[in-house]
């Protein structure tokens, strides 16, 4: 943990910010490129803690990744043309930090692959649920063991291909139904990346098939949608490789729908089409992931929200690298700013926000933009009425309990804060806020090892000098955030 950073009061912001690559797109693109046929050049990728653990994991799994020596935001990934193979007897251990965008999709891919794997990470990762995904993968036949608390990482995974090889008797009909019997015999990676020596070991097992309780032609899974959309995304990213049609039925409301849309759009770029039945179910047929040749990662819309919010409070900022054509759900955050009174201009590859001199509060459902929603919390210090953010229960299981953390930090400013299971209300138009400010105490904000807490609370510097504890936690997704903020900050 780094000590702290003092942010002197910012009078206003002015200038232009070129956005770093999106975390969500970077880690998805890395995995899809690794599973595809062909070589993919990825440009404008995010280089942060989350992407570095994904890159390191893929290299450990045998994926060839060529770094661009002249540009560390570009690299080339030579795909495996299918799932992973661990030919050795030992367990491959992967450290995934606190990166949900690495843990969840890699869990799905490895659960369908050949070999044994151990997934671990930082202590907070062991508090982030994964049981919904594990249950779905177990239904497909993978063996997954919890090494700590039930329903949470770390995990020990024996992939489905490994399980199939170990159940030698009577497996022929199942192999045929998965459409890789003939392909495996010649070592083709089209569906599963089997080598001929593995295929030769396969024979039928009706008992094994009955335990799966799935029809041979269709794998139908029921997945809860109210914990994390990353579970759905993880299954969709690997669903085309199970050798038969995959139908995911969503139980309850699916949160963060734009992130699932983002997954489907990216899969389309890699040649896989997903049928979305109004978010009630999703269908993926057996298809080959095919490299698009090159892919430019959009600028991070979530990271843009801090600069755009600062401009709405005081000043004018133009961010480039994403715009009105963005496939990221958080790009719609600027519409919320406009509703609050900010002046918004959109282009195909940029967004510009200017202050109108007055902002009003909102009472808003932010289920589709849970990350961007956090940026609204400190804005309550600058609005004429309270800010109420609803339907954000997923905050409770993020890098920290974000509802509780935000409530704690905003109370330091004297705000009236009300929190519930899935909402938070912040009212800064109360006498105690002025009393705290007049006292002149230098307030230091704790960040709970959560990058978004650090970036959100930096906006309070538009009201007074503040201290941000552990600013290095931003390395998770935005390593040079405070340098970028300084580049557009104007002080008296």
Protein backbone atom coordinates (compact mmCIF):
# COMPACT_ATOMS: atom_id res chain seq x y z
CA UNK A 1 0.00 0.00 0.00
CA UNK A 2 1.34 3.38 -0.97
CA UNK A 3 0.99 6.06 1.71
CA UNK A 4 -1.20 8.89 0.46
CA UNK A 5 -1.62 11.64 -2.10
CA UNK A 6 -2.65 15.21 -1.34
CA UNK A 7 -4.82 16.79 -4.01
CA UNK A 8 -4.84 20.58 -3.81
CA UNK A 9 -8.15 22.26 -4.45
CA UNK A 10 -9.01 22.30 -8.15
CA UNK A 11 -10.67 25.49 -9.35
CA UNK A 12 -11.80 23.93 -12.63
CA UNK A 13 -10.79 21.42 -15.26
CA UNK A 14 -9.94 22.21 -18.86
CA UNK A 15 -8.37 20.29 -21.70
CA UNK A 16 -8.38 16.96 -23.53
CA UNK A 17 -7.84 13.41 -22.28
CA UNK A 18 -6.99 10.50 -24.56
CA UNK A 19 -8.47 7.46 -22.90
CA UNK A 20 -6.63 4.28 -22.04
CA UNK A 21 -8.12 1.04 -23.35
CA UNK A 22 -11.17 -0.49 -21.73
CA UNK A 23 -10.46 -3.10 -19.06
CA UNK A 24 -13.57 -5.08 -19.94
CA UNK A 25 -12.75 -5.16 -23.64
CA UNK A 26 -9.03 -5.81 -23.12
CA UNK A 27 -9.43 -8.96 -21.03
CA UNK A 28 -12.26 -10.31 -23.16
CA UNK A 29 -10.26 -9.72 -26.35
CA UNK A 30 -7.16 -11.38 -24.89
CA UNK A 31 -9.05 -14.57 -24.05
CA UNK A 32 -10.97 -14.74 -27.33
CA UNK A 33 -7.77 -14.17 -29.29
CA UNK A 34 -6.13 -17.01 -27.34
CA UNK A 35 -8.98 -19.42 -28.18
CA UNK A 36 -9.25 -18.39 -31.85
CA UNK A 37 -7.74 -19.72 -35.02
CA UNK A 38 -5.11 -17.34 -36.35
CA UNK A 39 -3.09 -14.46 -34.98
CA UNK A 40 -4.76 -11.32 -33.65
CA UNK A 41 -3.06 -7.96 -33.25
CA UNK A 42 -4.61 -6.08 -30.36
CA UNK A 43 -4.04 -2.33 -30.15
CA UNK A 44 -4.79 0.26 -27.47
CA UNK A 45 -5.02 -2.47 -24.83
CA UNK A 46 -5.07 -1.49 -21.19
CA UNK A 47 -1.81 -2.16 -19.34
CA UNK A 48 -2.87 -2.43 -15.73
CA UNK A 49 -2.86 -4.98 -12.92
CA UNK A 50 -6.01 -6.69 -14.25
CA UNK A 51 -4.75 -7.07 -17.80
CA UNK A 52 -1.26 -8.08 -16.70
CA UNK A 53 -2.57 -11.04 -14.70
CA UNK A 54 -4.60 -12.14 -17.73
CA UNK A 55 -1.58 -11.87 -20.04
CA UNK A 56 0.62 -13.75 -17.57
CA UNK A 57 -2.03 -16.48 -17.18
CA UNK A 58 -2.38 -16.99 -20.93
CA UNK A 59 1.38 -17.26 -21.34
CA UNK A 60 1.47 -19.82 -18.52
CA UNK A 61 -1.20 -21.76 -20.42
CA UNK A 62 0.99 -21.95 -23.52
CA UNK A 63 -0.42 -19.08 -25.57
CA UNK A 64 2.16 -17.26 -27.70
CA UNK A 65 1.96 -13.52 -27.06
CA UNK A 66 4.35 -11.20 -28.88
CA UNK A 67 4.83 -7.80 -27.28
CA UNK A 68 5.34 -4.71 -29.45
CA UNK A 69 8.63 -3.24 -28.22
CA UNK A 70 7.78 0.21 -29.56
CA UNK A 71 4.24 0.36 -28.13
CA UNK A 72 3.31 -1.43 -24.93
CA UNK A 73 -0.40 -0.99 -25.73
CA UNK A 74 -0.09 -3.33 -28.72
CA UNK A 75 0.60 -7.05 -28.87
CA UNK A 76 -0.07 -10.07 -31.07
CA UNK A 77 -1.74 -13.25 -29.83
CA UNK A 78 -1.36 -16.53 -31.71
CA UNK A 79 -4.53 -18.45 -30.98
CA UNK A 80 -4.77 -22.10 -30.01
CA UNK A 81 -7.73 -22.75 -32.30
CA UNK A 82 -9.64 -24.23 -29.38
CA UNK A 83 -9.46 -24.83 -25.66
CA UNK A 84 -6.39 -25.26 -23.48
CA UNK A 85 -4.33 -28.45 -23.10
CA UNK A 86 -2.25 -29.33 -20.06
CA UNK A 87 -0.37 -32.45 -21.17
CA UNK A 88 1.56 -32.79 -17.91
CA UNK A 89 0.42 -34.42 -14.72
CA UNK A 90 1.03 -31.43 -12.49
CA UNK A 91 -1.58 -28.81 -11.73
CA UNK A 92 -1.05 -25.48 -13.47
CA UNK A 93 -1.46 -22.71 -10.90
CA UNK A 94 -2.63 -19.25 -11.99
CA UNK A 95 -2.60 -16.11 -9.84
CA UNK A 96 -5.39 -13.75 -10.96
CA UNK A 97 -5.14 -10.98 -8.39
CA UNK A 98 -8.53 -9.36 -7.85
CA UNK A 99 -9.48 -9.36 -11.53
CA UNK A 100 -13.02 -10.63 -11.98
CA UNK A 101 -12.63 -10.18 -15.75
CA UNK A 102 -9.84 -12.77 -15.59
CA UNK A 103 -11.13 -15.16 -12.91
CA UNK A 104 -14.64 -15.73 -14.26
CA UNK A 105 -13.93 -16.30 -18.00
CA UNK A 106 -10.76 -18.29 -17.37
CA UNK A 107 -12.68 -20.49 -14.95
CA UNK A 108 -15.16 -21.27 -17.73
CA UNK A 109 -12.53 -21.89 -20.39
CA UNK A 110 -10.38 -24.12 -18.17
CA UNK A 111 -13.41 -26.04 -16.92
CA UNK A 112 -14.02 -27.16 -20.52
CA UNK A 113 -10.34 -27.78 -21.34
CA UNK A 114 -7.95 -30.66 -20.79
CA UNK A 115 -5.91 -30.89 -17.60
CA UNK A 116 -5.99 -29.66 -14.04
CA UNK A 117 -5.68 -26.06 -12.92
CA UNK A 118 -5.67 -24.06 -9.71
CA UNK A 119 -7.00 -20.49 -9.73
CA UNK A 120 -6.09 -18.22 -6.84
CA UNK A 121 -5.76 -14.51 -6.21
CA UNK A 122 -5.77 -11.77 -3.62
CA UNK A 123 -7.75 -12.10 -0.35
CA UNK A 124 -10.61 -9.94 -1.63
CA UNK A 125 -11.07 -12.31 -4.59
CA UNK A 126 -11.88 -15.03 -2.06
CA UNK A 127 -14.86 -12.91 -0.94
CA UNK A 128 -16.27 -12.47 -4.45
CA UNK A 129 -18.86 -15.14 -5.33
CA UNK A 130 -18.39 -17.58 -8.19
CA UNK A 131 -20.80 -20.35 -7.21
CA UNK A 132 -23.37 -19.57 -9.91
CA UNK A 133 -20.74 -20.10 -12.61
CA UNK A 134 -19.27 -23.18 -10.96
CA UNK A 135 -22.70 -24.83 -10.70
CA UNK A 136 -23.26 -24.29 -14.44
CA UNK A 137 -19.85 -25.71 -15.34
CA UNK A 138 -20.37 -28.71 -13.08
CA UNK A 139 -23.64 -29.39 -14.91
CA UNK A 140 -21.61 -29.62 -18.11
CA UNK A 141 -19.41 -32.27 -16.49
CA UNK A 142 -16.38 -30.34 -15.22
CA UNK A 143 -14.98 -31.17 -11.79
CA UNK A 144 -14.44 -28.03 -9.72
CA UNK A 145 -13.42 -28.03 -6.07
CA UNK A 146 -13.56 -25.10 -3.67
CA UNK A 147 -10.27 -24.84 -1.79
CA UNK A 148 -11.64 -22.35 0.73
CA UNK A 149 -15.19 -21.24 1.40
CA UNK A 150 -18.01 -22.86 -0.53
CA UNK A 151 -19.01 -20.73 -3.50
CA UNK A 152 -15.80 -18.66 -3.61
CA UNK A 153 -12.28 -18.94 -5.02
CA UNK A 154 -9.65 -20.34 -4.83
CA UNK A 155 -10.60 -23.20 -7.14
CA UNK A 156 -9.16 -26.51 -8.26
CA UNK A 157 -10.45 -27.38 -11.72
CA UNK A 158 -10.37 -30.66 -13.60
CA UNK A 159 -11.46 -29.77 -17.11
CA UNK A 160 -14.23 -31.55 -18.99
CA UNK A 161 -11.80 -32.95 -21.57
CA UNK A 162 -9.76 -34.47 -18.73
CA UNK A 163 -12.92 -35.91 -17.19
CA UNK A 164 -13.93 -37.46 -20.51
CA UNK A 165 -10.56 -39.16 -20.90
CA UNK A 166 -10.78 -40.59 -17.39
CA UNK A 167 -14.24 -42.08 -18.04
CA UNK A 168 -13.14 -44.49 -20.76
CA UNK A 169 -16.06 -46.89 -20.86
CA UNK A 170 -19.09 -46.16 -23.03
CA UNK A 171 -18.23 -42.58 -23.96
CA UNK A 172 -18.42 -43.00 -27.74
CA UNK A 173 -21.98 -41.74 -28.15
CA UNK A 174 -21.23 -38.66 -26.07
CA UNK A 175 -18.09 -37.94 -28.06
CA UNK A 176 -20.13 -38.15 -31.24
CA UNK A 177 -22.79 -35.84 -29.87
CA UNK A 178 -20.13 -33.28 -29.05
CA UNK A 179 -19.02 -33.35 -32.70
CA UNK A 180 -15.38 -33.93 -32.03
CA UNK A 181 -14.99 -37.71 -32.44
CA UNK A 182 -13.76 -37.61 -36.01
CA UNK A 183 -11.97 -34.32 -35.61
CA UNK A 184 -10.14 -35.55 -32.53
CA UNK A 185 -8.92 -38.65 -34.36
CA UNK A 186 -6.85 -36.45 -36.63
CA UNK A 187 -5.85 -34.02 -33.94
CA UNK A 188 -8.09 -31.18 -35.19
CA UNK A 189 -8.67 -28.30 -32.76
CA UNK A 190 -11.93 -27.23 -34.39
CA UNK A 191 -14.13 -27.99 -31.39
CA UNK A 192 -11.87 -29.37 -28.70
CA UNK A 193 -8.09 -29.09 -29.03
CA UNK A 194 -7.54 -32.84 -28.71
CA UNK A 195 -4.50 -34.61 -30.04
CA UNK A 196 -4.76 -38.05 -31.62
CA UNK A 197 -3.24 -39.78 -28.60
CA UNK A 198 -6.03 -38.36 -26.41
CA UNK A 199 -8.74 -39.38 -28.88
CA UNK A 200 -7.45 -42.93 -28.94
CA UNK A 201 -8.18 -43.24 -25.22
CA UNK A 202 -11.88 -42.38 -25.55
CA UNK A 203 -14.61 -45.02 -25.30
CA UNK A 204 -18.26 -44.77 -24.25
CA UNK A 205 -19.86 -44.33 -20.82
CA UNK A 206 -23.65 -44.10 -20.63
CA UNK A 207 -23.46 -43.75 -16.85
CA UNK A 208 -21.42 -40.61 -17.25
CA UNK A 209 -23.92 -39.19 -19.72
CA UNK A 210 -26.85 -39.83 -17.38
CA UNK A 211 -25.10 -37.96 -14.59
CA UNK A 212 -24.86 -34.87 -16.79
CA UNK A 213 -28.68 -34.82 -17.08
CA UNK A 214 -28.41 -32.94 -20.39
CA UNK A 215 -29.76 -33.87 -23.83
CA UNK A 216 -27.07 -34.83 -26.29
CA UNK A 217 -27.87 -32.17 -28.87
CA UNK A 218 -28.47 -29.22 -26.54
CA UNK A 219 -26.81 -28.18 -23.30
CA UNK A 220 -29.43 -26.21 -21.40
CA UNK A 221 -28.31 -24.37 -18.28
CA UNK A 222 -30.15 -22.15 -15.82
CA UNK A 223 -28.00 -19.30 -14.50
CA UNK A 224 -28.97 -16.67 -11.93
CA UNK A 225 -28.62 -13.18 -13.34
CA UNK A 226 -28.69 -11.05 -10.20
CA UNK A 227 -25.13 -11.46 -8.87
CA UNK A 228 -22.76 -10.72 -11.73
CA UNK A 229 -23.19 -10.47 -15.49
CA UNK A 230 -19.64 -11.84 -15.75
CA UNK A 231 -21.03 -15.35 -15.19
CA UNK A 232 -23.17 -15.05 -18.33
CA UNK A 233 -20.31 -13.47 -20.27
CA UNK A 234 -17.90 -16.23 -19.24
CA UNK A 235 -20.25 -18.95 -20.47
CA UNK A 236 -20.99 -17.11 -23.71
CA UNK A 237 -17.30 -16.61 -24.49
CA UNK A 238 -16.67 -20.36 -24.27
CA UNK A 239 -20.11 -21.64 -25.25
CA UNK A 240 -19.32 -22.13 -28.92
CA UNK A 241 -16.60 -24.63 -28.01
CA UNK A 242 -18.64 -27.24 -26.11
CA UNK A 243 -19.53 -29.03 -29.34
CA UNK A 244 -23.30 -28.63 -29.16
CA UNK A 245 -25.85 -25.89 -28.86
CA UNK A 246 -25.70 -24.04 -25.56
CA UNK A 247 -28.87 -22.46 -24.14
CA UNK A 248 -28.46 -20.23 -21.09
CA UNK A 249 -31.71 -19.51 -19.31
CA UNK A 250 -31.44 -16.48 -17.03
CA UNK A 251 -33.11 -16.89 -13.66
CA UNK A 252 -34.39 -13.57 -12.32
CA UNK A 253 -33.30 -10.16 -13.55
CA UNK A 254 -30.03 -9.92 -15.44
CA UNK A 255 -27.96 -7.07 -14.04
CA UNK A 256 -25.44 -5.03 -16.03
CA UNK A 257 -27.01 -5.94 -19.38
CA UNK A 258 -24.68 -3.61 -21.34
CA UNK A 259 -21.70 -5.73 -20.30
CA UNK A 260 -23.36 -8.81 -21.78
CA UNK A 261 -24.09 -6.78 -24.93
CA UNK A 262 -20.40 -5.88 -25.04
CA UNK A 263 -19.48 -9.58 -24.82
CA UNK A 264 -21.85 -10.46 -27.66
CA UNK A 265 -20.53 -7.65 -29.86
CA UNK A 266 -16.95 -8.75 -29.31
CA UNK A 267 -17.82 -12.39 -30.01
CA UNK A 268 -19.28 -11.25 -33.32
CA UNK A 269 -15.91 -9.73 -34.20
CA UNK A 270 -14.39 -13.17 -33.59
CA UNK A 271 -16.96 -14.93 -35.79
CA UNK A 272 -19.38 -16.21 -33.15
CA UNK A 273 -23.03 -15.17 -33.15
CA UNK A 274 -25.11 -15.17 -29.98
CA UNK A 275 -28.91 -15.16 -30.04
CA UNK A 276 -30.27 -12.92 -27.29
CA UNK A 277 -33.87 -13.73 -26.39
CA UNK A 278 -34.68 -10.45 -24.64
CA UNK A 279 -32.17 -11.26 -21.87
CA UNK A 280 -34.36 -14.15 -20.73
CA UNK A 281 -32.09 -16.65 -22.46
CA UNK A 282 -29.10 -16.80 -24.78
CA UNK A 283 -28.25 -19.37 -27.45
CA UNK A 284 -24.86 -20.23 -28.91
CA UNK A 285 -24.35 -22.89 -31.57
CA UNK A 286 -21.03 -24.67 -32.15
CA UNK A 287 -18.91 -22.18 -34.06
CA UNK A 288 -15.21 -21.62 -34.59
CA UNK A 289 -13.65 -18.58 -33.00
CA UNK A 290 -11.78 -16.92 -35.84
CA UNK A 291 -9.26 -14.12 -35.48
CA UNK A 292 -10.41 -10.84 -37.01
CA UNK A 293 -6.76 -10.12 -37.82
CA UNK A 294 -6.65 -6.96 -35.73
CA UNK A 295 -8.79 -5.36 -33.07
CA UNK A 296 -8.63 -1.83 -31.69
CA UNK A 297 -9.73 -1.70 -28.06
CA UNK A 298 -12.03 1.24 -27.35
CA UNK A 299 -11.10 3.82 -24.77
CA UNK A 300 -12.36 3.05 -21.29
CA UNK A 301 -15.83 4.57 -20.89
CA UNK A 302 -15.82 3.86 -17.15
CA UNK A 303 -12.53 5.72 -16.74
CA UNK A 304 -13.92 8.61 -18.76
CA UNK A 305 -16.69 9.25 -16.24
CA UNK A 306 -14.37 10.93 -13.72
CA UNK A 307 -13.12 13.54 -16.18
CA UNK A 308 -16.59 14.14 -17.61
CA UNK A 309 -18.09 14.50 -14.14
CA UNK A 310 -15.35 16.96 -13.18
CA UNK A 311 -16.18 19.02 -16.27
CA UNK A 312 -19.87 18.97 -15.39
CA UNK A 313 -18.98 20.37 -11.97
CA UNK A 314 -16.59 23.08 -13.16
CA UNK A 315 -14.94 23.50 -16.55
CA UNK A 316 -14.80 21.71 -19.88
CA UNK A 317 -13.12 18.46 -20.91
CA UNK A 318 -13.02 16.52 -24.15
CA UNK A 319 -12.22 12.81 -23.95
CA UNK A 320 -11.16 10.89 -27.04
CA UNK A 321 -10.99 7.19 -27.81
CA UNK A 322 -14.70 6.47 -27.62
CA UNK A 323 -17.85 8.32 -28.57
CA UNK A 324 -21.41 8.01 -29.78
CA UNK A 325 -20.61 4.73 -31.57
CA UNK A 326 -19.26 3.05 -28.42
CA UNK A 327 -20.37 -0.49 -27.57
CA UNK A 328 -19.76 0.15 -23.85
CA UNK A 329 -22.77 0.71 -21.64
CA UNK A 330 -20.96 3.28 -19.50
CA UNK A 331 -20.80 5.58 -22.53
CA UNK A 332 -24.40 6.48 -21.64
CA UNK A 333 -23.23 8.11 -18.42
CA UNK A 334 -23.00 11.40 -20.28
CA UNK A 335 -26.77 11.31 -20.77
CA UNK A 336 -27.14 11.24 -16.98
CA UNK A 337 -24.84 14.27 -16.76
CA UNK A 338 -26.98 16.05 -19.33
CA UNK A 339 -30.10 15.32 -17.29
CA UNK A 340 -28.33 16.83 -14.28
CA UNK A 341 -27.70 20.06 -16.17
CA UNK A 342 -24.34 19.60 -17.89
CA UNK A 343 -23.72 20.60 -21.51
CA UNK A 344 -22.86 17.54 -23.63
CA UNK A 345 -21.44 17.20 -27.14
CA UNK A 346 -20.96 13.80 -28.78
CA UNK A 347 -18.87 12.78 -31.76
CA UNK A 348 -18.13 9.37 -33.22
CA UNK A 349 -14.80 9.20 -31.37
CA UNK A 350 -15.09 11.81 -28.64
CA UNK A 351 -17.31 13.20 -25.89
CA UNK A 352 -17.12 16.75 -24.60
CA UNK A 353 -18.78 17.97 -21.40
CA UNK A 354 -19.01 21.55 -20.15
CA UNK A 355 -20.40 22.97 -16.93
CA UNK A 356 -23.59 25.01 -17.06
CA UNK A 357 -22.87 26.41 -13.61
CA UNK A 358 -25.62 24.46 -11.90
CA UNK A 359 -26.26 20.77 -11.32
CA UNK A 360 -29.36 19.13 -9.93
CA UNK A 361 -29.57 15.78 -8.17
CA UNK A 362 -31.13 12.64 -9.59
CA UNK A 363 -33.11 9.65 -8.38
CA UNK A 364 -32.00 6.97 -10.81
CA UNK A 365 -31.81 3.22 -11.42
CA UNK A 366 -28.19 2.48 -12.38
CA UNK A 367 -28.40 -1.30 -12.66
CA UNK A 368 -27.07 -1.13 -16.23
CA UNK A 369 -24.10 1.06 -15.27
CA UNK A 370 -22.91 -0.06 -11.83
CA UNK A 371 -19.31 1.11 -12.27
CA UNK A 372 -20.23 4.51 -13.71
CA UNK A 373 -22.87 4.89 -11.01
CA UNK A 374 -20.14 5.29 -8.39
CA UNK A 375 -19.07 8.57 -10.00
CA UNK A 376 -22.42 10.10 -9.10
CA UNK A 377 -21.81 9.73 -5.36
CA UNK A 378 -19.20 12.51 -4.88
CA UNK A 379 -21.15 14.70 -7.32
CA UNK A 380 -23.77 15.08 -4.57
CA UNK A 381 -21.46 17.70 -3.04
CA UNK A 382 -22.17 19.91 -6.06
CA UNK A 383 -25.88 19.34 -6.74
CA UNK A 384 -28.86 21.37 -5.59
CA UNK A 385 -30.77 18.29 -4.43
CA UNK A 386 -29.87 14.79 -3.19
CA UNK A 387 -28.56 11.99 -5.36
CA UNK A 388 -30.27 8.63 -5.00
CA UNK A 389 -28.80 5.60 -6.80
CA UNK A 390 -30.97 2.48 -6.94
CA UNK A 391 -30.72 -1.17 -7.97
CA UNK A 392 -26.98 -1.45 -7.25
CA UNK A 393 -26.84 -4.54 -5.04
CA UNK A 394 -23.89 -5.77 -7.11
CA UNK A 395 -21.77 -3.05 -5.42
CA UNK A 396 -21.80 -5.24 -2.32
CA UNK A 397 -19.62 -7.93 -3.98
CA UNK A 398 -17.19 -5.81 -5.97
CA UNK A 399 -13.59 -4.98 -5.03
CA UNK A 400 -15.03 -3.89 -1.70
CA UNK A 401 -18.57 -3.41 -0.37
CA UNK A 402 -18.93 -0.21 -2.33
CA UNK A 403 -22.22 0.89 -0.81
CA UNK A 404 -20.80 0.72 2.71
CA UNK A 405 -17.47 2.25 1.64
CA UNK A 406 -19.10 5.18 -0.13
CA UNK A 407 -21.37 5.81 2.84
CA UNK A 408 -18.39 5.87 5.20
CA UNK A 409 -16.38 8.32 3.12
CA UNK A 410 -19.22 10.74 2.29
CA UNK A 411 -20.13 10.96 5.98
CA UNK A 412 -16.65 12.37 6.60
CA UNK A 413 -17.84 15.44 4.66
CA UNK A 414 -20.88 15.85 6.89
CA UNK A 415 -23.36 14.51 4.35
CA UNK A 416 -26.54 12.75 5.36
CA UNK A 417 -26.16 9.28 3.86
CA UNK A 418 -28.76 6.54 3.79
CA UNK A 419 -27.86 3.09 2.57
CA UNK A 420 -29.94 0.00 1.91
CA UNK A 421 -29.35 -3.43 0.48
CA UNK A 422 -29.39 -2.08 -3.07
CA UNK A 423 -29.42 1.72 -2.87
CA UNK A 424 -27.60 4.75 -1.52
CA UNK A 425 -28.86 8.30 -0.96
CA UNK A 426 -26.49 11.24 -0.42
CA UNK A 427 -27.71 14.65 0.69
CA UNK A 428 -25.05 17.34 0.95
CA UNK A 429 -27.53 20.18 1.36
CA UNK A 430 -27.48 19.95 5.14
CA UNK A 431 -25.94 22.31 7.74
CA UNK A 432 -23.35 19.78 8.88
CA UNK A 433 -21.59 19.87 5.49
CA UNK A 434 -20.83 23.57 5.89
CA UNK A 435 -19.77 23.06 9.51
CA UNK A 436 -17.25 20.40 8.50
CA UNK A 437 -15.88 22.63 5.76
CA UNK A 438 -15.58 25.66 8.04
CA UNK A 439 -13.70 23.58 10.59
CA UNK A 440 -10.91 23.41 8.02
CA UNK A 441 -9.89 19.85 8.85
CA UNK A 442 -7.96 18.14 6.06
CA UNK A 443 -10.05 15.10 5.21
CA UNK A 444 -8.35 11.92 4.12
CA UNK A 445 -10.35 9.37 2.18
CA UNK A 446 -9.78 5.64 2.57
CA UNK A 447 -9.94 3.66 -0.65
CA UNK A 448 -10.32 0.04 0.56
CA UNK A 449 -7.89 -1.22 -2.09
CA UNK A 450 -10.57 -0.29 -4.62
CA UNK A 451 -9.47 1.69 -7.65
CA UNK A 452 -12.88 3.24 -8.22
CA UNK A 453 -13.09 4.53 -4.65
CA UNK A 454 -9.81 6.41 -5.19
CA UNK A 455 -10.88 7.93 -8.50
CA UNK A 456 -14.36 8.86 -7.29
CA UNK A 457 -13.22 10.62 -4.15
CA UNK A 458 -10.67 12.64 -6.13
CA UNK A 459 -13.64 14.70 -7.42
CA UNK A 460 -14.03 16.22 -3.96
CA UNK A 461 -10.85 18.18 -4.75
CA UNK A 462 -13.10 20.45 -6.79
CA UNK A 463 -14.47 21.58 -3.44
CA UNK A 464 -11.38 21.55 -1.19
CA UNK A 465 -7.91 20.08 -0.68
CA UNK A 466 -8.16 16.38 0.19
CA UNK A 467 -5.95 13.39 0.87
CA UNK A 468 -6.39 10.09 -1.02
CA UNK A 469 -5.03 7.10 0.87
CA UNK A 470 -3.39 4.32 -1.15
CA UNK A 471 -3.68 6.02 -4.55
CA UNK A 472 -1.68 3.18 -6.12
CA UNK A 473 -4.78 0.99 -6.00
CA UNK A 474 -5.64 2.70 -9.31
CA UNK A 475 -3.04 0.47 -10.97
CA UNK A 476 -5.77 -2.15 -11.17
CA UNK A 477 -7.37 -0.38 -14.15
CA UNK A 478 -5.98 3.15 -14.58
CA UNK A 479 -2.31 3.34 -13.56
CA UNK A 480 -1.75 7.00 -14.48
CA UNK A 481 -5.15 8.35 -13.45
CA UNK A 482 -3.84 11.04 -11.12
CA UNK A 483 -1.33 12.25 -13.72
CA UNK A 484 -4.17 12.52 -16.26
CA UNK A 485 -6.30 14.41 -13.73
CA UNK A 486 -3.45 16.80 -13.01
CA UNK A 487 -3.03 17.48 -16.74
CA UNK A 488 -6.51 19.05 -16.95
CA UNK A 489 -6.63 20.60 -13.47
CA UNK A 490 -6.42 24.36 -12.93
CA UNK A 491 -5.62 25.75 -9.48
CA UNK A 492 -5.93 29.32 -8.17
